[in-house]
Amino acid sequence: ELHRYIAGIIEGKKQKSLAVNGWQDHVHAFFGIEPSESISDLVRDIKANSSKWVNERRFLKDKFRWQEGFGAFSYSKSQRDTVIKYIMNQEQHHNRKTFREEYLDMLRKAEIEFESRYLFEFYD
């Protein structure tokens, strides 16, 4: 239900939602974005609106909020189907890997330099 809501936020901002799915501790949103829209603004709107939606429906005992920050990766059109399949198979994928392992793998594959001590403060 949350994933459909997030897809609706993306579409409501006149962007193209390609796939939204996740696992217990994170969400993947794959979308096409117009050059006039910033990724940061779209993610801010997704987080704000979906947090409000979750809290209004009292899905959790405690107040829900997203962590600070986000990861964003770009993909070519030729990778589209592979990325959609990856996102839609999160449950199966996370039977083998934690979110931490998944995210570090994504950074390495994209050849993004990072210091892991700063990546997972919200987990520790």
PDB file of N, CA and C in Angstrom:
ATOM      1  N   GLU A   1       0.824  -1.196   0.000  1.00  0.00           N
ATOM      2  CA  GLU A   1       0.000   0.000   0.000  1.00  0.00           C
ATOM      3  C   GLU A   1       0.871   1.264   0.000  1.00  0.00           C
ATOM      4  N   LEU A   2       1.918   1.278   0.838  1.00  0.00           N
ATOM      5  CA  LEU A   2       2.837   2.424   0.886  1.00  0.00           C
ATOM      6  C   LEU A   2       3.524   2.613  -0.466  1.00  0.00           C
ATOM      7  N   HIS A   3       3.920   1.530  -1.081  1.00  0.00           N
ATOM      8  CA  HIS A   3       4.622   1.636  -2.360  1.00  0.00           C
ATOM      9  C   HIS A   3       3.724   2.249  -3.435  1.00  0.00           C
ATOM     10  N   ARG A   4       2.453   1.869  -3.444  1.00  0.00           N
ATOM     11  CA  ARG A   4       1.505   2.474  -4.395  1.00  0.00           C
ATOM     12  C   ARG A   4       1.332   3.965  -4.103  1.00  0.00           C
ATOM     13  N   TYR A   5       1.300   4.302  -2.817  1.00  0.00           N
ATOM     14  CA  TYR A   5       1.149   5.705  -2.442  1.00  0.00           C
ATOM     15  C   TYR A   5       2.350   6.522  -2.919  1.00  0.00           C
ATOM     16  N   ILE A   6       3.544   5.980  -2.727  1.00  0.00           N
ATOM     17  CA  ILE A   6       4.754   6.676  -3.174  1.00  0.00           C
ATOM     18  C   ILE A   6       4.744   6.840  -4.694  1.00  0.00           C
ATOM     19  N   ALA A   7       4.344   5.809  -5.415  1.00  0.00           N
ATOM     20  CA  ALA A   7       4.235   5.915  -6.879  1.00  0.00           C
ATOM     21  C   ALA A   7       3.259   7.028  -7.256  1.00  0.00           C
ATOM     22  N   GLY A   8       2.176   7.154  -6.502  1.00  0.00           N
ATOM     23  CA  GLY A   8       1.208   8.219  -6.749  1.00  0.00           C
ATOM     24  C   GLY A   8       1.776   9.606  -6.503  1.00  0.00           C
ATOM     25  N   ILE A   9       2.627   9.741  -5.500  1.00  0.00           N
ATOM     26  CA  ILE A   9       3.288  11.029  -5.242  1.00  0.00           C
ATOM     27  C   ILE A   9       4.157  11.402  -6.440  1.00  0.00           C
ATOM     28  N   ILE A  10       4.916  10.439  -6.924  1.00  0.00           N
ATOM     29  CA  ILE A  10       5.797  10.678  -8.073  1.00  0.00           C
ATOM     30  C   ILE A  10       4.975  11.112  -9.286  1.00  0.00           C
ATOM     31  N   GLU A  11       3.917  10.378  -9.577  1.00  0.00           N
ATOM     32  CA  GLU A  11       3.060  10.711 -10.720  1.00  0.00           C
ATOM     33  C   GLU A  11       2.364  12.062 -10.515  1.00  0.00           C
ATOM     34  N   GLY A  12       1.982  12.348  -9.261  1.00  0.00           N
ATOM     35  CA  GLY A  12       1.339  13.620  -8.954  1.00  0.00           C
ATOM     36  C   GLY A  12       2.247  14.820  -9.173  1.00  0.00           C
ATOM     37  N   LYS A  13       3.544  14.581  -9.123  1.00  0.00           N
ATOM     38  CA  LYS A  13       4.530  15.636  -9.394  1.00  0.00           C
ATOM     39  C   LYS A  13       4.886  15.677 -10.880  1.00  0.00           C
ATOM     40  N   LYS A  14       4.105  14.972 -11.697  1.00  0.00           N
ATOM     41  CA  LYS A  14       4.283  14.929 -13.157  1.00  0.00           C
ATOM     42  C   LYS A  14       5.599  14.272 -13.571  1.00  0.00           C
ATOM     43  N   GLN A  15       6.026  13.288 -12.775  1.00  0.00           N
ATOM     44  CA  GLN A  15       7.204  12.489 -13.111  1.00  0.00           C
ATOM     45  C   GLN A  15       6.720  11.075 -13.416  1.00  0.00           C
ATOM     46  N   LYS A  16       7.588  10.230 -13.953  1.00  0.00           N
ATOM     47  CA  LYS A  16       7.163   8.892 -14.368  1.00  0.00           C
ATOM     48  C   LYS A  16       7.660   7.847 -13.377  1.00  0.00           C
ATOM     49  N   SER A  17       6.740   7.229 -12.652  1.00  0.00           N
ATOM     50  CA  SER A  17       7.080   6.155 -11.720  1.00  0.00           C
ATOM     51  C   SER A  17       7.256   4.861 -12.512  1.00  0.00           C
ATOM     52  N   LEU A  18       8.428   4.250 -12.393  1.00  0.00           N
ATOM     53  CA  LEU A  18       8.718   3.009 -13.114  1.00  0.00           C
ATOM     54  C   LEU A  18       8.621   1.789 -12.208  1.00  0.00           C
ATOM     55  N   ALA A  19       9.038   1.930 -10.954  1.00  0.00           N
ATOM     56  CA  ALA A  19       8.951   0.827  -9.988  1.00  0.00           C
ATOM     57  C   ALA A  19       9.160   1.388  -8.591  1.00  0.00           C
ATOM     58  N   VAL A  20       8.332   0.950  -7.654  1.00  0.00           N
ATOM     59  CA  VAL A  20       8.509   1.288  -6.242  1.00  0.00           C
ATOM     60  C   VAL A  20       8.298   0.005  -5.459  1.00  0.00           C
ATOM     61  N   ASN A  21       9.270  -0.341  -4.649  1.00  0.00           N
ATOM     62  CA  ASN A  21       9.186  -1.533  -3.816  1.00  0.00           C
ATOM     63  C   ASN A  21      10.254  -1.397  -2.740  1.00  0.00           C
ATOM     64  N   GLY A  22      10.227  -2.261  -1.780  1.00  0.00           N
ATOM     65  CA  GLY A  22      11.234  -2.186  -0.736  1.00  0.00           C
ATOM     66  C   GLY A  22      11.195  -3.387   0.159  1.00  0.00           C
ATOM     67  N   TRP A  23      11.848  -3.246   1.257  1.00  0.00           N
ATOM     68  CA  TRP A  23      11.925  -4.293   2.249  1.00  0.00           C
ATOM     69  C   TRP A  23      11.673  -3.647   3.591  1.00  0.00           C
ATOM     70  N   GLN A  24      11.922  -4.331   4.668  1.00  0.00           N
ATOM     71  CA  GLN A  24      11.530  -3.881   5.999  1.00  0.00           C
ATOM     72  C   GLN A  24      12.144  -2.544   6.405  1.00  0.00           C
ATOM     73  N   ASP A  25      13.327  -2.236   5.907  1.00  0.00           N
ATOM     74  CA  ASP A  25      14.028  -1.050   6.396  1.00  0.00           C
ATOM     75  C   ASP A  25      14.389  -0.037   5.314  1.00  0.00           C
ATOM     76  N   HIS A  26      13.836  -0.177   4.117  1.00  0.00           N
ATOM     77  CA  HIS A  26      14.149   0.776   3.059  1.00  0.00           C
ATOM     78  C   HIS A  26      13.184   0.621   1.881  1.00  0.00           C
ATOM     79  N   VAL A  27      13.210   1.637   1.021  1.00  0.00           N
ATOM     80  CA  VAL A  27      12.370   1.646  -0.179  1.00  0.00           C
ATOM     81  C   VAL A  27      13.238   2.021  -1.375  1.00  0.00           C
ATOM     82  N   HIS A  28      12.975   1.372  -2.504  1.00  0.00           N
ATOM     83  CA  HIS A  28      13.578   1.750  -3.778  1.00  0.00           C
ATOM     84  C   HIS A  28      12.484   2.390  -4.620  1.00  0.00           C
ATOM     85  N   ALA A  29      12.781   3.546  -5.190  1.00  0.00           N
ATOM     86  CA  ALA A  29      11.853   4.197  -6.115  1.00  0.00           C
ATOM     87  C   ALA A  29      12.628   4.481  -7.396  1.00  0.00           C
ATOM     88  N   PHE A  30      12.171   3.907  -8.487  1.00  0.00           N
ATOM     89  CA  PHE A  30      12.807   4.090  -9.790  1.00  0.00           C
ATOM     90  C   PHE A  30      11.859   4.930 -10.624  1.00  0.00           C
ATOM     91  N   PHE A  31      12.335   6.084 -11.066  1.00  0.00           N
ATOM     92  CA  PHE A  31      11.452   6.992 -11.781  1.00  0.00           C
ATOM     93  C   PHE A  31      12.211   7.775 -12.835  1.00  0.00           C
ATOM     94  N   GLY A  32      11.461   8.207 -13.833  1.00  0.00           N
ATOM     95  CA  GLY A  32      11.970   9.152 -14.816  1.00  0.00           C
ATOM     96  C   GLY A  32      11.656  10.545 -14.307  1.00  0.00           C
ATOM     97  N   ILE A  33      12.612  11.439 -14.431  1.00  0.00           N
ATOM     98  CA  ILE A  33      12.425  12.779 -13.874  1.00  0.00           C
ATOM     99  C   ILE A  33      12.730  13.832 -14.938  1.00  0.00           C
ATOM    100  N   GLU A  34      11.866  14.818 -15.023  1.00  0.00           N
ATOM    101  CA  GLU A  34      12.054  15.918 -15.961  1.00  0.00           C
ATOM    102  C   GLU A  34      13.210  16.801 -15.488  1.00  0.00           C
ATOM    103  N   PRO A  35      13.939  17.400 -16.415  1.00  0.00           N
ATOM    104  CA  PRO A  35      15.069  18.258 -16.025  1.00  0.00           C
ATOM    105  C   PRO A  35      14.669  19.440 -15.138  1.00  0.00           C
ATOM    106  N   SER A  36      13.418  19.859 -15.224  1.00  0.00           N
ATOM    107  CA  SER A  36      12.958  20.995 -14.416  1.00  0.00           C
ATOM    108  C   SER A  36      12.726  20.621 -12.950  1.00  0.00           C
ATOM    109  N   GLU A  37      12.709  19.338 -12.627  1.00  0.00           N
ATOM    110  CA  GLU A  37      12.484  18.862 -11.253  1.00  0.00           C
ATOM    111  C   GLU A  37      13.814  18.409 -10.667  1.00  0.00           C
ATOM    112  N   SER A  38      14.068  18.767  -9.422  1.00  0.00           N
ATOM    113  CA  SER A  38      15.297  18.276  -8.784  1.00  0.00           C
ATOM    114  C   SER A  38      14.991  16.991  -8.019  1.00  0.00           C
ATOM    115  N   ILE A  39      15.953  16.098  -8.008  1.00  0.00           N
ATOM    116  CA  ILE A  39      15.787  14.840  -7.278  1.00  0.00           C
ATOM    117  C   ILE A  39      15.563  15.129  -5.799  1.00  0.00           C
ATOM    118  N   SER A  40      16.328  16.069  -5.248  1.00  0.00           N
ATOM    119  CA  SER A  40      16.187  16.396  -3.819  1.00  0.00           C
ATOM    120  C   SER A  40      14.783  16.870  -3.482  1.00  0.00           C
ATOM    121  N   ASP A  41      14.212  17.717  -4.331  1.00  0.00           N
ATOM    122  CA  ASP A  41      12.852  18.206  -4.075  1.00  0.00           C
ATOM    123  C   ASP A  41      11.834  17.073  -4.162  1.00  0.00           C
ATOM    124  N   LEU A  42      11.998  16.200  -5.140  1.00  0.00           N
ATOM    125  CA  LEU A  42      11.064  15.085  -5.280  1.00  0.00           C
ATOM    126  C   LEU A  42      11.167  14.135  -4.091  1.00  0.00           C
ATOM    127  N   VAL A  43      12.376  13.807  -3.669  1.00  0.00           N
ATOM    128  CA  VAL A  43      12.548  12.915  -2.515  1.00  0.00           C
ATOM    129  C   VAL A  43      12.000  13.571  -1.248  1.00  0.00           C
ATOM    130  N   ARG A  44      12.220  14.868  -1.090  1.00  0.00           N
ATOM    131  CA  ARG A  44      11.656  15.587   0.064  1.00  0.00           C
ATOM    132  C   ARG A  44      10.137  15.446   0.086  1.00  0.00           C
ATOM    133  N   ASP A  45       9.499  15.633  -1.068  1.00  0.00           N
ATOM    134  CA  ASP A  45       8.042  15.520  -1.146  1.00  0.00           C
ATOM    135  C   ASP A  45       7.571  14.089  -0.891  1.00  0.00           C
ATOM    136  N   ILE A  46       8.305  13.117  -1.418  1.00  0.00           N
ATOM    137  CA  ILE A  46       7.962  11.712  -1.166  1.00  0.00           C
ATOM    138  C   ILE A  46       8.027  11.421   0.325  1.00  0.00           C
ATOM    139  N   LYS A  47       9.105  11.838   0.971  1.00  0.00           N
ATOM    140  CA  LYS A  47       9.275  11.562   2.403  1.00  0.00           C
ATOM    141  C   LYS A  47       8.216  12.272   3.240  1.00  0.00           C
ATOM    142  N   ALA A  48       7.989  13.550   2.958  1.00  0.00           N
ATOM    143  CA  ALA A  48       7.027  14.323   3.755  1.00  0.00           C
ATOM    144  C   ALA A  48       5.613  13.761   3.611  1.00  0.00           C
ATOM    145  N   ASN A  49       5.183  13.560   2.377  1.00  0.00           N
ATOM    146  CA  ASN A  49       3.814  13.091   2.146  1.00  0.00           C
ATOM    147  C   ASN A  49       3.595  11.664   2.609  1.00  0.00           C
ATOM    148  N   SER A  50       4.576  10.796   2.391  1.00  0.00           N
ATOM    149  CA  SER A  50       4.397   9.398   2.802  1.00  0.00           C
ATOM    150  C   SER A  50       4.482   9.250   4.319  1.00  0.00           C
ATOM    151  N   SER A  51       5.314  10.051   4.987  1.00  0.00           N
ATOM    152  CA  SER A  51       5.363  10.023   6.459  1.00  0.00           C
ATOM    153  C   SER A  51       4.014  10.415   7.043  1.00  0.00           C
ATOM    154  N   LYS A  52       3.459  11.494   6.511  1.00  0.00           N
ATOM    155  CA  LYS A  52       2.152  11.952   6.980  1.00  0.00           C
ATOM    156  C   LYS A  52       1.098  10.865   6.755  1.00  0.00           C
ATOM    157  N   TRP A  53       1.119  10.245   5.588  1.00  0.00           N
ATOM    158  CA  TRP A  53       0.167   9.193   5.238  1.00  0.00           C
ATOM    159  C   TRP A  53       0.285   8.006   6.190  1.00  0.00           C
ATOM    160  N   VAL A  54       1.503   7.550   6.459  1.00  0.00           N
ATOM    161  CA  VAL A  54       1.729   6.420   7.377  1.00  0.00           C
ATOM    162  C   VAL A  54       1.230   6.771   8.773  1.00  0.00           C
ATOM    163  N   ASN A  55       1.556   7.965   9.254  1.00  0.00           N
ATOM    164  CA  ASN A  55       1.173   8.355  10.611  1.00  0.00           C
ATOM    165  C   ASN A  55      -0.333   8.563  10.753  1.00  0.00           C
ATOM    166  N   GLU A  56      -0.985   9.101   9.742  1.00  0.00           N
ATOM    167  CA  GLU A  56      -2.443   9.272   9.795  1.00  0.00           C
ATOM    168  C   GLU A  56      -3.168   7.930   9.868  1.00  0.00           C
ATOM    169  N   ARG A  57      -2.583   6.913   9.286  1.00  0.00           N
ATOM    170  CA  ARG A  57      -3.201   5.584   9.282  1.00  0.00           C
ATOM    171  C   ARG A  57      -2.750   4.723  10.453  1.00  0.00           C
ATOM    172  N   ARG A  58      -1.865   5.242  11.253  1.00  0.00           N
ATOM    173  CA  ARG A  58      -1.387   4.568  12.475  1.00  0.00           C
ATOM    174  C   ARG A  58      -0.943   3.124  12.212  1.00  0.00           C
ATOM    175  N   PHE A  59      -0.129   2.972  11.176  1.00  0.00           N
ATOM    176  CA  PHE A  59       0.413   1.647  10.869  1.00  0.00           C
ATOM    177  C   PHE A  59       1.394   1.183  11.941  1.00  0.00           C
ATOM    178  N   LEU A  60       1.987   2.127  12.658  1.00  0.00           N
ATOM    179  CA  LEU A  60       2.998   1.822  13.671  1.00  0.00           C
ATOM    180  C   LEU A  60       2.581   2.394  15.016  1.00  0.00           C
ATOM    181  N   LYS A  61       3.091   1.785  16.088  1.00  0.00           N
ATOM    182  CA  LYS A  61       2.809   2.319  17.431  1.00  0.00           C
ATOM    183  C   LYS A  61       3.443   3.692  17.596  1.00  0.00           C
ATOM    184  N   ASP A  62       4.696   3.803  17.172  1.00  0.00           N
ATOM    185  CA  ASP A  62       5.433   5.055  17.309  1.00  0.00           C
ATOM    186  C   ASP A  62       5.288   5.893  16.043  1.00  0.00           C
ATOM    187  N   LYS A  63       5.673   7.150  16.167  1.00  0.00           N
ATOM    188  CA  LYS A  63       5.621   8.037  15.011  1.00  0.00           C
ATOM    189  C   LYS A  63       6.661   7.591  13.983  1.00  0.00           C
ATOM    190  N   PHE A  64       6.236   7.514  12.723  1.00  0.00           N
ATOM    191  CA  PHE A  64       7.130   7.128  11.636  1.00  0.00           C
ATOM    192  C   PHE A  64       7.823   8.351  11.076  1.00  0.00           C
ATOM    193  N   ARG A  65       9.106   8.193  10.770  1.00  0.00           N
ATOM    194  CA  ARG A  65       9.834   9.225  10.033  1.00  0.00           C
ATOM    195  C   ARG A  65      10.932   8.549   9.238  1.00  0.00           C
ATOM    196  N   TRP A  66      11.237   9.131   8.097  1.00  0.00           N
ATOM    197  CA  TRP A  66      12.326   8.630   7.273  1.00  0.00           C
ATOM    198  C   TRP A  66      13.651   9.101   7.850  1.00  0.00           C
ATOM    199  N   GLN A  67      14.704   8.386   7.554  1.00  0.00           N
ATOM    200  CA  GLN A  67      16.046   8.825   7.934  1.00  0.00           C
ATOM    201  C   GLN A  67      16.401  10.081   7.150  1.00  0.00           C
ATOM    202  N   GLU A  68      17.428  10.781   7.598  1.00  0.00           N
ATOM    203  CA  GLU A  68      17.940  11.904   6.824  1.00  0.00           C
ATOM    204  C   GLU A  68      18.701  11.361   5.625  1.00  0.00           C
ATOM    205  N   GLY A  69      18.693  12.106   4.547  1.00  0.00           N
ATOM    206  CA  GLY A  69      19.470  11.735   3.375  1.00  0.00           C
ATOM    207  C   GLY A  69      18.818  10.657   2.531  1.00  0.00           C
ATOM    208  N   PHE A  70      19.466  10.350   1.421  1.00  0.00           N
ATOM    209  CA  PHE A  70      18.997   9.310   0.508  1.00  0.00           C
ATOM    210  C   PHE A  70      20.120   9.001  -0.472  1.00  0.00           C
ATOM    211  N   GLY A  71      19.990   7.890  -1.151  1.00  0.00           N
ATOM    212  CA  GLY A  71      20.918   7.545  -2.229  1.00  0.00           C
ATOM    213  C   GLY A  71      20.192   7.673  -3.549  1.00  0.00           C
ATOM    214  N   ALA A  72      20.868   8.216  -4.551  1.00  0.00           N
ATOM    215  CA  ALA A  72      20.274   8.352  -5.883  1.00  0.00           C
ATOM    216  C   ALA A  72      21.292   7.892  -6.921  1.00  0.00           C
ATOM    217  N   PHE A  73      20.831   7.073  -7.834  1.00  0.00           N
ATOM    218  CA  PHE A  73      21.681   6.530  -8.887  1.00  0.00           C
ATOM    219  C   PHE A  73      20.980   6.738 -10.220  1.00  0.00           C
ATOM    220  N   SER A  74      21.749   6.998 -11.264  1.00  0.00           N
ATOM    221  CA  SER A  74      21.147   7.124 -12.591  1.00  0.00           C
ATOM    222  C   SER A  74      21.434   5.861 -13.398  1.00  0.00           C
ATOM    223  N   TYR A  75      20.518   5.567 -14.295  1.00  0.00           N
ATOM    224  CA  TYR A  75      20.634   4.375 -15.129  1.00  0.00           C
ATOM    225  C   TYR A  75      20.283   4.732 -16.564  1.00  0.00           C
ATOM    226  N   SER A  76      20.875   4.022 -17.495  1.00  0.00           N
ATOM    227  CA  SER A  76      20.555   4.244 -18.906  1.00  0.00           C
ATOM    228  C   SER A  76      19.270   3.491 -19.261  1.00  0.00           C
ATOM    229  N   LYS A  77      18.685   3.892 -20.362  1.00  0.00           N
ATOM    230  CA  LYS A  77      17.443   3.252 -20.805  1.00  0.00           C
ATOM    231  C   LYS A  77      17.645   1.753 -21.036  1.00  0.00           C
ATOM    232  N   SER A  78      18.829   1.357 -21.455  1.00  0.00           N
ATOM    233  CA  SER A  78      19.096  -0.065 -21.709  1.00  0.00           C
ATOM    234  C   SER A  78      19.098  -0.894 -20.425  1.00  0.00           C
ATOM    235  N   GLN A  79      19.241  -0.251 -19.275  1.00  0.00           N
ATOM    236  CA  GLN A  79      19.247  -0.949 -17.984  1.00  0.00           C
ATOM    237  C   GLN A  79      17.872  -0.983 -17.320  1.00  0.00           C
ATOM    238  N   ARG A  80      16.918  -0.332 -17.930  1.00  0.00           N
ATOM    239  CA  ARG A  80      15.597  -0.144 -17.323  1.00  0.00           C
ATOM    240  C   ARG A  80      14.960  -1.450 -16.837  1.00  0.00           C
ATOM    241  N   ASP A  81      14.847  -2.441 -17.682  1.00  0.00           N
ATOM    242  CA  ASP A  81      14.183  -3.688 -17.302  1.00  0.00           C
ATOM    243  C   ASP A  81      14.930  -4.414 -16.188  1.00  0.00           C
ATOM    244  N   THR A  82      16.253  -4.371 -16.226  1.00  0.00           N
ATOM    245  CA  THR A  82      17.067  -5.005 -15.179  1.00  0.00           C
ATOM    246  C   THR A  82      16.829  -4.335 -13.833  1.00  0.00           C
ATOM    247  N   VAL A  83      16.777  -3.009 -13.827  1.00  0.00           N
ATOM    248  CA  VAL A  83      16.562  -2.265 -12.578  1.00  0.00           C
ATOM    249  C   VAL A  83      15.154  -2.528 -12.044  1.00  0.00           C
ATOM    250  N   ILE A  84      14.164  -2.522 -12.902  1.00  0.00           N
ATOM    251  CA  ILE A  84      12.787  -2.796 -12.469  1.00  0.00           C
ATOM    252  C   ILE A  84      12.695  -4.190 -11.859  1.00  0.00           C
ATOM    253  N   LYS A  85      13.279  -5.169 -12.509  1.00  0.00           N
ATOM    254  CA  LYS A  85      13.262  -6.539 -11.984  1.00  0.00           C
ATOM    255  C   LYS A  85      13.948  -6.598 -10.618  1.00  0.00           C
ATOM    256  N   TYR A  86      15.081  -5.927 -10.487  1.00  0.00           N
ATOM    257  CA  TYR A  86      15.814  -5.892  -9.221  1.00  0.00           C
ATOM    258  C   TYR A  86      14.935  -5.305  -8.109  1.00  0.00           C
ATOM    259  N   ILE A  87      14.295  -4.194  -8.393  1.00  0.00           N
ATOM    260  CA  ILE A  87      13.460  -3.526  -7.391  1.00  0.00           C
ATOM    261  C   ILE A  87      12.250  -4.386  -7.026  1.00  0.00           C
ATOM    262  N   MET A  88      11.633  -5.003  -7.993  1.00  0.00           N
ATOM    263  CA  MET A  88      10.428  -5.783  -7.722  1.00  0.00           C
ATOM    264  C   MET A  88      10.719  -7.112  -7.024  1.00  0.00           C
ATOM    265  N   ASN A  89      11.974  -7.525  -6.983  1.00  0.00           N
ATOM    266  CA  ASN A  89      12.357  -8.770  -6.316  1.00  0.00           C
ATOM    267  C   ASN A  89      13.064  -8.527  -4.988  1.00  0.00           C
ATOM    268  N   GLN A  90      12.694  -7.500  -4.274  1.00  0.00           N
ATOM    269  CA  GLN A  90      13.369  -7.159  -3.025  1.00  0.00           C
ATOM    270  C   GLN A  90      13.279  -8.249  -1.961  1.00  0.00           C
ATOM    271  N   GLU A  91      12.127  -8.847  -1.804  1.00  0.00           N
ATOM    272  CA  GLU A  91      11.978  -9.865  -0.759  1.00  0.00           C
ATOM    273  C   GLU A  91      12.951 -11.017  -0.996  1.00  0.00           C
ATOM    274  N   GLN A  92      12.975 -11.503  -2.203  1.00  0.00           N
ATOM    275  CA  GLN A  92      13.884 -12.596  -2.559  1.00  0.00           C
ATOM    276  C   GLN A  92      15.343 -12.157  -2.400  1.00  0.00           C
ATOM    277  N   HIS A  93      15.639 -10.956  -2.838  1.00  0.00           N
ATOM    278  CA  HIS A  93      16.993 -10.414  -2.768  1.00  0.00           C
ATOM    279  C   HIS A  93      17.487 -10.324  -1.322  1.00  0.00           C
ATOM    280  N   HIS A  94      16.610  -9.889  -0.420  1.00  0.00           N
ATOM    281  CA  HIS A  94      17.028  -9.680   0.974  1.00  0.00           C
ATOM    282  C   HIS A  94      17.012 -10.958   1.804  1.00  0.00           C
ATOM    283  N   ASN A  95      16.679 -12.062   1.211  1.00  0.00           N
ATOM    284  CA  ASN A  95      16.925 -13.343   1.871  1.00  0.00           C
ATOM    285  C   ASN A  95      18.410 -13.667   1.847  1.00  0.00           C
ATOM    286  N   ARG A  96      19.148 -12.992   0.946  1.00  0.00           N
ATOM    287  CA  ARG A  96      20.583 -13.246   0.801  1.00  0.00           C
ATOM    288  C   ARG A  96      21.456 -12.103   1.292  1.00  0.00           C
ATOM    289  N   LYS A  97      20.942 -10.877   1.311  1.00  0.00           N
ATOM    290  CA  LYS A  97      21.746  -9.696   1.621  1.00  0.00           C
ATOM    291  C   LYS A  97      21.000  -8.743   2.532  1.00  0.00           C
ATOM    292  N   THR A  98      21.733  -8.105   3.432  1.00  0.00           N
ATOM    293  CA  THR A  98      21.146  -7.045   4.252  1.00  0.00           C
ATOM    294  C   THR A  98      21.102  -5.758   3.437  1.00  0.00           C
ATOM    295  N   PHE A  99      20.368  -4.777   3.933  1.00  0.00           N
ATOM    296  CA  PHE A  99      20.348  -3.476   3.275  1.00  0.00           C
ATOM    297  C   PHE A  99      21.751  -2.892   3.223  1.00  0.00           C
ATOM    298  N   ARG A 100      22.485  -2.992   4.302  1.00  0.00           N
ATOM    299  CA  ARG A 100      23.847  -2.448   4.359  1.00  0.00           C
ATOM    300  C   ARG A 100      24.707  -3.058   3.242  1.00  0.00           C
ATOM    301  N   GLU A 101      24.657  -4.375   3.110  1.00  0.00           N
ATOM    302  CA  GLU A 101      25.437  -5.057   2.062  1.00  0.00           C
ATOM    303  C   GLU A 101      24.976  -4.615   0.669  1.00  0.00           C
ATOM    304  N   GLU A 102      23.677  -4.515   0.495  1.00  0.00           N
ATOM    305  CA  GLU A 102      23.119  -4.099  -0.788  1.00  0.00           C
ATOM    306  C   GLU A 102      23.597  -2.701  -1.162  1.00  0.00           C
ATOM    307  N   TYR A 103      23.513  -1.773  -0.219  1.00  0.00           N
ATOM    308  CA  TYR A 103      23.865  -0.384  -0.508  1.00  0.00           C
ATOM    309  C   TYR A 103      25.353  -0.239  -0.804  1.00  0.00           C
ATOM    310  N   LEU A 104      26.187  -0.907  -0.027  1.00  0.00           N
ATOM    311  CA  LEU A 104      27.629  -0.855  -0.286  1.00  0.00           C
ATOM    312  C   LEU A 104      27.948  -1.436  -1.662  1.00  0.00           C
ATOM    313  N   ASP A 105      27.288  -2.515  -2.038  1.00  0.00           N
ATOM    314  CA  ASP A 105      27.478  -3.094  -3.377  1.00  0.00           C
ATOM    315  C   ASP A 105      27.082  -2.100  -4.468  1.00  0.00           C
ATOM    316  N   MET A 106      25.977  -1.400  -4.266  1.00  0.00           N
ATOM    317  CA  MET A 106      25.523  -0.425  -5.258  1.00  0.00           C
ATOM    318  C   MET A 106      26.540   0.703  -5.411  1.00  0.00           C
ATOM    319  N   LEU A 107      27.068   1.189  -4.302  1.00  0.00           N
ATOM    320  CA  LEU A 107      28.072   2.251  -4.358  1.00  0.00           C
ATOM    321  C   LEU A 107      29.327   1.780  -5.083  1.00  0.00           C
ATOM    322  N   ARG A 108      29.764   0.584  -4.775  1.00  0.00           N
ATOM    323  CA  ARG A 108      30.973   0.048  -5.424  1.00  0.00           C
ATOM    324  C   ARG A 108      30.757  -0.151  -6.924  1.00  0.00           C
ATOM    325  N   LYS A 109      29.618  -0.704  -7.301  1.00  0.00           N
ATOM    326  CA  LYS A 109      29.335  -0.921  -8.730  1.00  0.00           C
ATOM    327  C   LYS A 109      29.276   0.399  -9.494  1.00  0.00           C
ATOM    328  N   ALA A 110      28.789   1.445  -8.841  1.00  0.00           N
ATOM    329  CA  ALA A 110      28.707   2.762  -9.470  1.00  0.00           C
ATOM    330  C   ALA A 110      30.028   3.529  -9.354  1.00  0.00           C
ATOM    331  N   GLU A 111      31.016   2.897  -8.723  1.00  0.00           N
ATOM    332  CA  GLU A 111      32.337   3.499  -8.514  1.00  0.00           C
ATOM    333  C   GLU A 111      32.245   4.836  -7.788  1.00  0.00           C
ATOM    334  N   ILE A 112      31.416   4.858  -6.749  1.00  0.00           N
ATOM    335  CA  ILE A 112      31.253   6.051  -5.917  1.00  0.00           C
ATOM    336  C   ILE A 112      32.128   5.893  -4.684  1.00  0.00           C
ATOM    337  N   GLU A 113      33.007   6.864  -4.470  1.00  0.00           N
ATOM    338  CA  GLU A 113      33.861   6.830  -3.285  1.00  0.00           C
ATOM    339  C   GLU A 113      33.016   7.159  -2.059  1.00  0.00           C
ATOM    340  N   PHE A 114      33.316   6.501  -0.946  1.00  0.00           N
ATOM    341  CA  PHE A 114      32.556   6.733   0.277  1.00  0.00           C
ATOM    342  C   PHE A 114      33.393   6.354   1.488  1.00  0.00           C
ATOM    343  N   GLU A 115      32.969   6.865   2.620  1.00  0.00           N
ATOM    344  CA  GLU A 115      33.525   6.451   3.905  1.00  0.00           C
ATOM    345  C   GLU A 115      32.383   5.800   4.662  1.00  0.00           C
ATOM    346  N   SER A 116      32.488   4.500   4.856  1.00  0.00           N
ATOM    347  CA  SER A 116      31.370   3.747   5.427  1.00  0.00           C
ATOM    348  C   SER A 116      30.990   4.226   6.822  1.00  0.00           C
ATOM    349  N   ARG A 117      31.908   4.836   7.547  1.00  0.00           N
ATOM    350  CA  ARG A 117      31.567   5.304   8.902  1.00  0.00           C
ATOM    351  C   ARG A 117      30.484   6.381   8.874  1.00  0.00           C
ATOM    352  N   TYR A 118      30.314   7.059   7.732  1.00  0.00           N
ATOM    353  CA  TYR A 118      29.291   8.099   7.627  1.00  0.00           C
ATOM    354  C   TYR A 118      27.986   7.600   7.013  1.00  0.00           C
ATOM    355  N   LEU A 119      27.987   6.414   6.461  1.00  0.00           N
ATOM    356  CA  LEU A 119      26.814   5.951   5.725  1.00  0.00           C
ATOM    357  C   LEU A 119      25.681   5.443   6.596  1.00  0.00           C
ATOM    358  N   PHE A 120      25.999   4.809   7.690  1.00  0.00           N
ATOM    359  CA  PHE A 120      24.975   4.080   8.429  1.00  0.00           C
ATOM    360  C   PHE A 120      24.816   4.558   9.862  1.00  0.00           C
ATOM    361  N   GLU A 121      24.961   5.853  10.075  1.00  0.00           N
ATOM    362  CA  GLU A 121      24.788   6.400  11.422  1.00  0.00           C
ATOM    363  C   GLU A 121      23.400   6.086  11.963  1.00  0.00           C
ATOM    364  N   PHE A 122      22.400   6.049  11.081  1.00  0.00           N
ATOM    365  CA  PHE A 122      21.023   5.794  11.505  1.00  0.00           C
ATOM    366  C   PHE A 122      20.820   4.361  11.968  1.00  0.00           C
ATOM    367  N   TYR A 123      21.735   3.463  11.629  1.00  0.00           N
ATOM    368  CA  TYR A 123      21.624   2.064  12.037  1.00  0.00           C
ATOM    369  C   TYR A 123      22.279   1.810  13.378  1.00  0.00           C
ATOM    370  N   ASP A 124      23.308   2.571  13.660  1.00  0.00           N
ATOM    371  CA  ASP A 124      24.124   2.293  14.849  1.00  0.00           C
ATOM    372  C   ASP A 124      23.605   2.979  16.094  1.00  0.00           C
TER     373      ASP A 124
END
